Amino acid sequence: QSALANWKEECLYLSDYTSTYWEEYCLV
């Protein structure tokens, strides 16, 4: 909330991404 309070950009872009480790775990 503090970081976005002074947000001056018109849009807020979000990115989701994943990584797999040892074919057992997924980091999202």
PDB file of all heavy atoms in Angstrom:
ATOM      1  N   GLN A   1       0.832  -1.207   0.000  1.00  0.00           N
ATOM      2  CA  GLN A   1       0.000   0.000   0.000  1.00  0.00           C
ATOM      3  C   GLN A   1       0.863   1.253   0.000  1.00  0.00           C
ATOM      4  O   GLN A   1       0.570   2.216  -0.704  1.00  0.00           O
ATOM      5  CB  GLN A   1      -0.942   0.006   1.195  1.00  0.00           C
ATOM      6  CG  GLN A   1      -2.079  -0.970   1.070  1.00  0.00           C
ATOM      7  CD  GLN A   1      -2.935  -1.033   2.314  1.00  0.00           C
ATOM      8  OE1 GLN A   1      -2.467  -0.802   3.431  1.00  0.00           O
ATOM      9  NE2 GLN A   1      -4.201  -1.358   2.125  1.00  0.00           N
ATOM     10  N   SER A   2       1.915   1.250   0.782  1.00  0.00           N
ATOM     11  CA  SER A   2       2.810   2.403   0.838  1.00  0.00           C
ATOM     12  C   SER A   2       3.496   2.630  -0.504  1.00  0.00           C
ATOM     13  O   SER A   2       3.615   3.765  -0.972  1.00  0.00           O
ATOM     14  CB  SER A   2       3.854   2.180   1.928  1.00  0.00           C
ATOM     15  OG  SER A   2       4.778   3.222   1.944  1.00  0.00           O
ATOM     16  N   ALA A   3       3.936   1.549  -1.143  1.00  0.00           N
ATOM     17  CA  ALA A   3       4.617   1.671  -2.432  1.00  0.00           C
ATOM     18  C   ALA A   3       3.665   2.182  -3.514  1.00  0.00           C
ATOM     19  O   ALA A   3       4.062   2.962  -4.383  1.00  0.00           O
ATOM     20  CB  ALA A   3       5.203   0.324  -2.840  1.00  0.00           C
ATOM     21  N   LEU A   4       2.410   1.747  -3.463  1.00  0.00           N
ATOM     22  CA  LEU A   4       1.452   2.145  -4.500  1.00  0.00           C
ATOM     23  C   LEU A   4       0.798   3.500  -4.227  1.00  0.00           C
ATOM     24  O   LEU A   4       0.174   4.069  -5.119  1.00  0.00           O
ATOM     25  CB  LEU A   4       0.379   1.066  -4.655  1.00  0.00           C
ATOM     26  CG  LEU A   4       0.861  -0.275  -5.191  1.00  0.00           C
ATOM     27  CD1 LEU A   4      -0.281  -1.269  -5.238  1.00  0.00           C
ATOM     28  CD2 LEU A   4       1.501  -0.124  -6.562  1.00  0.00           C
ATOM     29  N   ALA A   5       0.946   4.028  -3.019  1.00  0.00           N
ATOM     30  CA  ALA A   5       0.321   5.311  -2.674  1.00  0.00           C
ATOM     31  C   ALA A   5       0.804   6.442  -3.577  1.00  0.00           C
ATOM     32  O   ALA A   5       0.044   7.353  -3.902  1.00  0.00           O
ATOM     33  CB  ALA A   5       0.594   5.648  -1.211  1.00  0.00           C
ATOM     34  N   ASN A   6       2.050   6.389  -3.986  1.00  0.00           N
ATOM     35  CA  ASN A   6       2.621   7.441  -4.831  1.00  0.00           C
ATOM     36  C   ASN A   6       2.814   6.992  -6.268  1.00  0.00           C
ATOM     37  O   ASN A   6       3.603   7.582  -7.002  1.00  0.00           O
ATOM     38  CB  ASN A   6       3.957   7.904  -4.244  1.00  0.00           C
ATOM     39  CG  ASN A   6       3.780   8.526  -2.882  1.00  0.00           C
ATOM     40  OD1 ASN A   6       2.836   9.281  -2.661  1.00  0.00           O
ATOM     41  ND2 ASN A   6       4.653   8.195  -1.963  1.00  0.00           N
ATOM     42  N   TRP A   7       2.112   5.947  -6.668  1.00  0.00           N
ATOM     43  CA  TRP A   7       2.233   5.406  -8.022  1.00  0.00           C
ATOM     44  C   TRP A   7       1.716   6.434  -9.008  1.00  0.00           C
ATOM     45  O   TRP A   7       0.578   6.872  -8.928  1.00  0.00           O
ATOM     46  CB  TRP A   7       1.445   4.105  -8.130  1.00  0.00           C
ATOM     47  CG  TRP A   7       1.705   3.350  -9.388  1.00  0.00           C
ATOM     48  CD1 TRP A   7       0.945   3.366 -10.503  1.00  0.00           C
ATOM     49  CD2 TRP A   7       2.798   2.476  -9.656  1.00  0.00           C
ATOM     50  NE1 TRP A   7       1.493   2.538 -11.463  1.00  0.00           N
ATOM     51  CE2 TRP A   7       2.631   1.988 -10.968  1.00  0.00           C
ATOM     52  CE3 TRP A   7       3.902   2.069  -8.919  1.00  0.00           C
ATOM     53  CZ2 TRP A   7       3.523   1.096 -11.541  1.00  0.00           C
ATOM     54  CZ3 TRP A   7       4.783   1.188  -9.493  1.00  0.00           C
ATOM     55  CH2 TRP A   7       4.594   0.705 -10.791  1.00  0.00           C
ATOM     56  N   LYS A   8       2.527   6.835  -9.961  1.00  0.00           N
ATOM     57  CA  LYS A   8       2.148   7.875 -10.912  1.00  0.00           C
ATOM     58  C   LYS A   8       1.910   7.344 -12.319  1.00  0.00           C
ATOM     59  O   LYS A   8       1.542   8.083 -13.207  1.00  0.00           O
ATOM     60  CB  LYS A   8       3.215   8.965 -10.921  1.00  0.00           C
ATOM     61  CG  LYS A   8       3.289   9.707  -9.594  1.00  0.00           C
ATOM     62  CD  LYS A   8       4.328  10.786  -9.630  1.00  0.00           C
ATOM     63  CE  LYS A   8       4.377  11.617  -8.390  1.00  0.00           C
ATOM     64  NZ  LYS A   8       4.412  10.977  -7.132  1.00  0.00           N
ATOM     65  N   GLU A   9       2.129   6.072 -12.514  1.00  0.00           N
ATOM     66  CA  GLU A   9       1.926   5.475 -13.829  1.00  0.00           C
ATOM     67  C   GLU A   9       0.433   5.299 -14.094  1.00  0.00           C
ATOM     68  O   GLU A   9      -0.372   5.167 -13.175  1.00  0.00           O
ATOM     69  CB  GLU A   9       2.618   4.115 -13.908  1.00  0.00           C
ATOM     70  CG  GLU A   9       4.109   4.155 -13.644  1.00  0.00           C
ATOM     71  CD  GLU A   9       4.889   4.903 -14.708  1.00  0.00           C
ATOM     72  OE1 GLU A   9       4.540   4.779 -15.891  1.00  0.00           O
ATOM     73  OE2 GLU A   9       5.837   5.607 -14.348  1.00  0.00           O
ATOM     74  N   GLU A  10       0.062   5.292 -15.374  1.00  0.00           N
ATOM     75  CA  GLU A  10      -1.338   5.119 -15.749  1.00  0.00           C
ATOM     76  C   GLU A  10      -1.805   3.687 -15.521  1.00  0.00           C
ATOM     77  O   GLU A  10      -2.946   3.450 -15.130  1.00  0.00           O
ATOM     78  CB  GLU A  10      -1.521   5.493 -17.223  1.00  0.00           C
ATOM     79  CG  GLU A  10      -2.955   5.486 -17.681  1.00  0.00           C
ATOM     80  CD  GLU A  10      -3.093   5.991 -19.090  1.00  0.00           C
ATOM     81  OE1 GLU A  10      -2.492   7.025 -19.427  1.00  0.00           O
ATOM     82  OE2 GLU A  10      -3.806   5.338 -19.861  1.00  0.00           O
ATOM     83  N   CYS A  11      -0.936   2.718 -15.768  1.00  0.00           N
ATOM     84  CA  CYS A  11      -1.285   1.301 -15.634  1.00  0.00           C
ATOM     85  C   CYS A  11      -0.346   0.618 -14.654  1.00  0.00           C
ATOM     86  O   CYS A  11       0.792   1.030 -14.462  1.00  0.00           O
ATOM     87  CB  CYS A  11      -1.166   0.586 -16.979  1.00  0.00           C
ATOM     88  SG  CYS A  11      -2.362   1.123 -18.190  1.00  0.00           S
ATOM     89  N   LEU A  12      -0.852  -0.441 -14.071  1.00  0.00           N
ATOM     90  CA  LEU A  12      -0.042  -1.292 -13.216  1.00  0.00           C
ATOM     91  C   LEU A  12       0.024  -2.655 -13.891  1.00  0.00           C
ATOM     92  O   LEU A  12      -1.004  -3.310 -14.082  1.00  0.00           O
ATOM     93  CB  LEU A  12      -0.684  -1.416 -11.829  1.00  0.00           C
ATOM     94  CG  LEU A  12       0.022  -2.315 -10.842  1.00  0.00           C
ATOM     95  CD1 LEU A  12       1.382  -1.725 -10.464  1.00  0.00           C
ATOM     96  CD2 LEU A  12      -0.839  -2.498  -9.603  1.00  0.00           C
ATOM     97  N   TYR A  13       1.203  -3.068 -14.300  1.00  0.00           N
ATOM     98  CA  TYR A  13       1.377  -4.342 -14.996  1.00  0.00           C
ATOM     99  C   TYR A  13       1.826  -5.403 -14.007  1.00  0.00           C
ATOM    100  O   TYR A  13       2.740  -5.178 -13.213  1.00  0.00           O
ATOM    101  CB  TYR A  13       2.413  -4.210 -16.113  1.00  0.00           C
ATOM    102  CG  TYR A  13       1.973  -3.296 -17.214  1.00  0.00           C
ATOM    103  CD1 TYR A  13       2.371  -1.970 -17.248  1.00  0.00           C
ATOM    104  CD2 TYR A  13       1.138  -3.757 -18.226  1.00  0.00           C
ATOM    105  CE1 TYR A  13       1.955  -1.116 -18.263  1.00  0.00           C
ATOM    106  CE2 TYR A  13       0.715  -2.923 -19.239  1.00  0.00           C
ATOM    107  CZ  TYR A  13       1.135  -1.603 -19.248  1.00  0.00           C
ATOM    108  OH  TYR A  13       0.709  -0.769 -20.247  1.00  0.00           O
ATOM    109  N   LEU A  14       1.159  -6.555 -14.075  1.00  0.00           N
ATOM    110  CA  LEU A  14       1.515  -7.692 -13.243  1.00  0.00           C
ATOM    111  C   LEU A  14       2.023  -8.820 -14.128  1.00  0.00           C
ATOM    112  O   LEU A  14       1.551  -9.003 -15.246  1.00  0.00           O
ATOM    113  CB  LEU A  14       0.312  -8.182 -12.439  1.00  0.00           C
ATOM    114  CG  LEU A  14      -0.284  -7.190 -11.454  1.00  0.00           C
ATOM    115  CD1 LEU A  14      -1.533  -7.778 -10.809  1.00  0.00           C
ATOM    116  CD2 LEU A  14       0.728  -6.792 -10.400  1.00  0.00           C
ATOM    117  N   SER A  15       2.961  -9.558 -13.612  1.00  0.00           N
ATOM    118  CA  SER A  15       3.520 -10.696 -14.343  1.00  0.00           C
ATOM    119  C   SER A  15       3.519 -11.906 -13.419  1.00  0.00           C
ATOM    120  O   SER A  15       3.918 -11.810 -12.258  1.00  0.00           O
ATOM    121  CB  SER A  15       4.947 -10.363 -14.771  1.00  0.00           C
ATOM    122  OG  SER A  15       5.576 -11.490 -15.305  1.00  0.00           O
ATOM    123  N   ASP A  16       3.044 -13.027 -13.927  1.00  0.00           N
ATOM    124  CA  ASP A  16       3.157 -14.259 -13.156  1.00  0.00           C
ATOM    125  C   ASP A  16       4.090 -15.198 -13.904  1.00  0.00           C
ATOM    126  O   ASP A  16       4.118 -15.217 -15.119  1.00  0.00           O
ATOM    127  CB  ASP A  16       1.791 -14.903 -12.910  1.00  0.00           C
ATOM    128  CG  ASP A  16       1.122 -15.357 -14.189  1.00  0.00           C
ATOM    129  OD1 ASP A  16       1.364 -14.753 -15.232  1.00  0.00           O
ATOM    130  OD2 ASP A  16       0.353 -16.327 -14.131  1.00  0.00           O
ATOM    131  N   TYR A  17       4.876 -15.916 -13.182  1.00  0.00           N
ATOM    132  CA  TYR A  17       5.801 -16.840 -13.804  1.00  0.00           C
ATOM    133  C   TYR A  17       6.112 -17.981 -12.851  1.00  0.00           C
ATOM    134  O   TYR A  17       5.948 -17.854 -11.642  1.00  0.00           O
ATOM    135  CB  TYR A  17       7.084 -16.152 -14.292  1.00  0.00           C
ATOM    136  CG  TYR A  17       7.720 -15.188 -13.333  1.00  0.00           C
ATOM    137  CD1 TYR A  17       8.823 -15.553 -12.566  1.00  0.00           C
ATOM    138  CD2 TYR A  17       7.234 -13.891 -13.202  1.00  0.00           C
ATOM    139  CE1 TYR A  17       9.417 -14.652 -11.699  1.00  0.00           C
ATOM    140  CE2 TYR A  17       7.816 -12.996 -12.323  1.00  0.00           C
ATOM    141  CZ  TYR A  17       8.901 -13.376 -11.581  1.00  0.00           C
ATOM    142  OH  TYR A  17       9.470 -12.493 -10.710  1.00  0.00           O
ATOM    143  N   THR A  18       6.510 -19.074 -13.433  1.00  0.00           N
ATOM    144  CA  THR A  18       6.778 -20.271 -12.653  1.00  0.00           C
ATOM    145  C   THR A  18       8.146 -20.849 -12.998  1.00  0.00           C
ATOM    146  O   THR A  18       8.664 -20.645 -14.091  1.00  0.00           O
ATOM    147  CB  THR A  18       5.715 -21.360 -12.914  1.00  0.00           C
ATOM    148  OG1 THR A  18       5.754 -21.709 -14.286  1.00  0.00           O
ATOM    149  CG2 THR A  18       4.329 -20.885 -12.549  1.00  0.00           C
ATOM    150  N   SER A  19       8.696 -21.563 -12.062  1.00  0.00           N
ATOM    151  CA  SER A  19       9.941 -22.307 -12.261  1.00  0.00           C
ATOM    152  C   SER A  19       9.755 -23.669 -11.606  1.00  0.00           C
ATOM    153  O   SER A  19       9.124 -23.767 -10.554  1.00  0.00           O
ATOM    154  CB  SER A  19      11.124 -21.603 -11.592  1.00  0.00           C
ATOM    155  OG  SER A  19      11.298 -20.319 -12.117  1.00  0.00           O
ATOM    156  N   THR A  20      10.306 -24.696 -12.213  1.00  0.00           N
ATOM    157  CA  THR A  20      10.239 -26.022 -11.609  1.00  0.00           C
ATOM    158  C   THR A  20      11.627 -26.418 -11.121  1.00  0.00           C
ATOM    159  O   THR A  20      12.634 -26.072 -11.720  1.00  0.00           O
ATOM    160  CB  THR A  20       9.724 -27.079 -12.600  1.00  0.00           C
ATOM    161  OG1 THR A  20      10.537 -27.058 -13.766  1.00  0.00           O
ATOM    162  CG2 THR A  20       8.283 -26.828 -12.975  1.00  0.00           C
ATOM    163  N   TYR A  21      11.634 -27.167 -10.015  1.00  0.00           N
ATOM    164  CA  TYR A  21      12.887 -27.606  -9.412  1.00  0.00           C
ATOM    165  C   TYR A  21      12.842 -29.097  -9.162  1.00  0.00           C
ATOM    166  O   TYR A  21      11.921 -29.593  -8.506  1.00  0.00           O
ATOM    167  CB  TYR A  21      13.139 -26.856  -8.100  1.00  0.00           C
ATOM    168  CG  TYR A  21      13.326 -25.373  -8.325  1.00  0.00           C
ATOM    169  CD1 TYR A  21      12.278 -24.485  -8.158  1.00  0.00           C
ATOM    170  CD2 TYR A  21      14.550 -24.876  -8.749  1.00  0.00           C
ATOM    171  CE1 TYR A  21      12.444 -23.132  -8.383  1.00  0.00           C
ATOM    172  CE2 TYR A  21      14.727 -23.519  -8.984  1.00  0.00           C
ATOM    173  CZ  TYR A  21      13.672 -22.652  -8.792  1.00  0.00           C
ATOM    174  OH  TYR A  21      13.834 -21.325  -9.029  1.00  0.00           O
ATOM    175  N   TRP A  22      13.820 -29.797  -9.691  1.00  0.00           N
ATOM    176  CA  TRP A  22      14.006 -31.238  -9.495  1.00  0.00           C
ATOM    177  C   TRP A  22      12.766 -32.032  -9.894  1.00  0.00           C
ATOM    178  O   TRP A  22      12.524 -33.104  -9.371  1.00  0.00           O
ATOM    179  CB  TRP A  22      14.378 -31.537  -8.050  1.00  0.00           C
ATOM    180  CG  TRP A  22      15.543 -30.743  -7.584  1.00  0.00           C
ATOM    181  CD1 TRP A  22      16.841 -30.893  -7.963  1.00  0.00           C
ATOM    182  CD2 TRP A  22      15.510 -29.641  -6.686  1.00  0.00           C
ATOM    183  NE1 TRP A  22      17.621 -29.954  -7.354  1.00  0.00           N
ATOM    184  CE2 TRP A  22      16.825 -29.155  -6.551  1.00  0.00           C
ATOM    185  CE3 TRP A  22      14.511 -28.998  -5.975  1.00  0.00           C
ATOM    186  CZ2 TRP A  22      17.157 -28.095  -5.754  1.00  0.00           C
ATOM    187  CZ3 TRP A  22      14.842 -27.929  -5.168  1.00  0.00           C
ATOM    188  CH2 TRP A  22      16.153 -27.499  -5.072  1.00  0.00           C
ATOM    189  N   GLU A  23      11.981 -31.514 -10.821  1.00  0.00           N
ATOM    190  CA  GLU A  23      10.743 -32.155 -11.272  1.00  0.00           C
ATOM    191  C   GLU A  23       9.842 -32.541 -10.097  1.00  0.00           C
ATOM    192  O   GLU A  23       9.068 -33.486 -10.160  1.00  0.00           O
ATOM    193  CB  GLU A  23      11.050 -33.368 -12.140  1.00  0.00           C
ATOM    194  CG  GLU A  23      11.750 -33.012 -13.424  1.00  0.00           C
ATOM    195  CD  GLU A  23      11.973 -34.206 -14.323  1.00  0.00           C
ATOM    196  OE1 GLU A  23      11.492 -35.304 -14.006  1.00  0.00           O
ATOM    197  OE2 GLU A  23      12.632 -34.031 -15.356  1.00  0.00           O
ATOM    198  N   GLU A  24       9.950 -31.780  -9.022  1.00  0.00           N
ATOM    199  CA  GLU A  24       9.165 -32.095  -7.827  1.00  0.00           C
ATOM    200  C   GLU A  24       8.434 -30.865  -7.286  1.00  0.00           C
ATOM    201  O   GLU A  24       7.331 -30.977  -6.770  1.00  0.00           O
ATOM    202  CB  GLU A  24      10.077 -32.677  -6.744  1.00  0.00           C
ATOM    203  CG  GLU A  24       9.336 -33.164  -5.540  1.00  0.00           C
ATOM    204  CD  GLU A  24      10.240 -33.890  -4.559  1.00  0.00           C
ATOM    205  OE1 GLU A  24      11.427 -34.113  -4.866  1.00  0.00           O
ATOM    206  OE2 GLU A  24       9.747 -34.230  -3.479  1.00  0.00           O
ATOM    207  N   TYR A  25       9.053 -29.703  -7.411  1.00  0.00           N
ATOM    208  CA  TYR A  25       8.468 -28.492  -6.852  1.00  0.00           C
ATOM    209  C   TYR A  25       8.265 -27.444  -7.936  1.00  0.00           C
ATOM    210  O   TYR A  25       9.006 -27.392  -8.913  1.00  0.00           O
ATOM    211  CB  TYR A  25       9.375 -27.912  -5.757  1.00  0.00           C
ATOM    212  CG  TYR A  25       9.564 -28.844  -4.613  1.00  0.00           C
ATOM    213  CD1 TYR A  25      10.720 -29.598  -4.503  1.00  0.00           C
ATOM    214  CD2 TYR A  25       8.581 -28.988  -3.636  1.00  0.00           C
ATOM    215  CE1 TYR A  25      10.908 -30.471  -3.446  1.00  0.00           C
ATOM    216  CE2 TYR A  25       8.756 -29.858  -2.585  1.00  0.00           C
ATOM    217  CZ  TYR A  25       9.918 -30.597  -2.493  1.00  0.00           C
ATOM    218  OH  TYR A  25      10.102 -31.462  -1.458  1.00  0.00           O
ATOM    219  N   CYS A  26       7.284 -26.590  -7.710  1.00  0.00           N
ATOM    220  CA  CYS A  26       7.012 -25.489  -8.630  1.00  0.00           C
ATOM    221  C   CYS A  26       6.981 -24.195  -7.831  1.00  0.00           C
ATOM    222  O   CYS A  26       6.268 -24.089  -6.831  1.00  0.00           O
ATOM    223  CB  CYS A  26       5.666 -25.727  -9.316  1.00  0.00           C
ATOM    224  SG  CYS A  26       5.261 -24.447 -10.505  1.00  0.00           S
ATOM    225  N   LEU A  27       7.763 -23.223  -8.238  1.00  0.00           N
ATOM    226  CA  LEU A  27       7.775 -21.912  -7.611  1.00  0.00           C
ATOM    227  C   LEU A  27       6.913 -20.988  -8.465  1.00  0.00           C
ATOM    228  O   LEU A  27       7.194 -20.782  -9.644  1.00  0.00           O
ATOM    229  CB  LEU A  27       9.205 -21.371  -7.518  1.00  0.00           C
ATOM    230  CG  LEU A  27       9.367 -19.958  -6.970  1.00  0.00           C
ATOM    231  CD1 LEU A  27       8.869 -19.880  -5.533  1.00  0.00           C
ATOM    232  CD2 LEU A  27      10.817 -19.522  -7.056  1.00  0.00           C
ATOM    233  N   VAL A  28       5.845 -20.457  -7.885  1.00  0.00           N
ATOM    234  CA  VAL A  28       4.929 -19.557  -8.580  1.00  0.00           C
ATOM    235  C   VAL A  28       5.136 -18.164  -7.999  1.00  0.00           C
ATOM    236  O   VAL A  28       5.094 -17.984  -6.781  1.00  0.00           O
ATOM    237  CB  VAL A  28       3.454 -19.997  -8.375  1.00  0.00           C
ATOM    238  CG1 VAL A  28       2.517 -19.075  -9.122  1.00  0.00           C
ATOM    239  CG2 VAL A  28       3.265 -21.438  -8.796  1.00  0.00           C
TER     240      VAL A  28
END
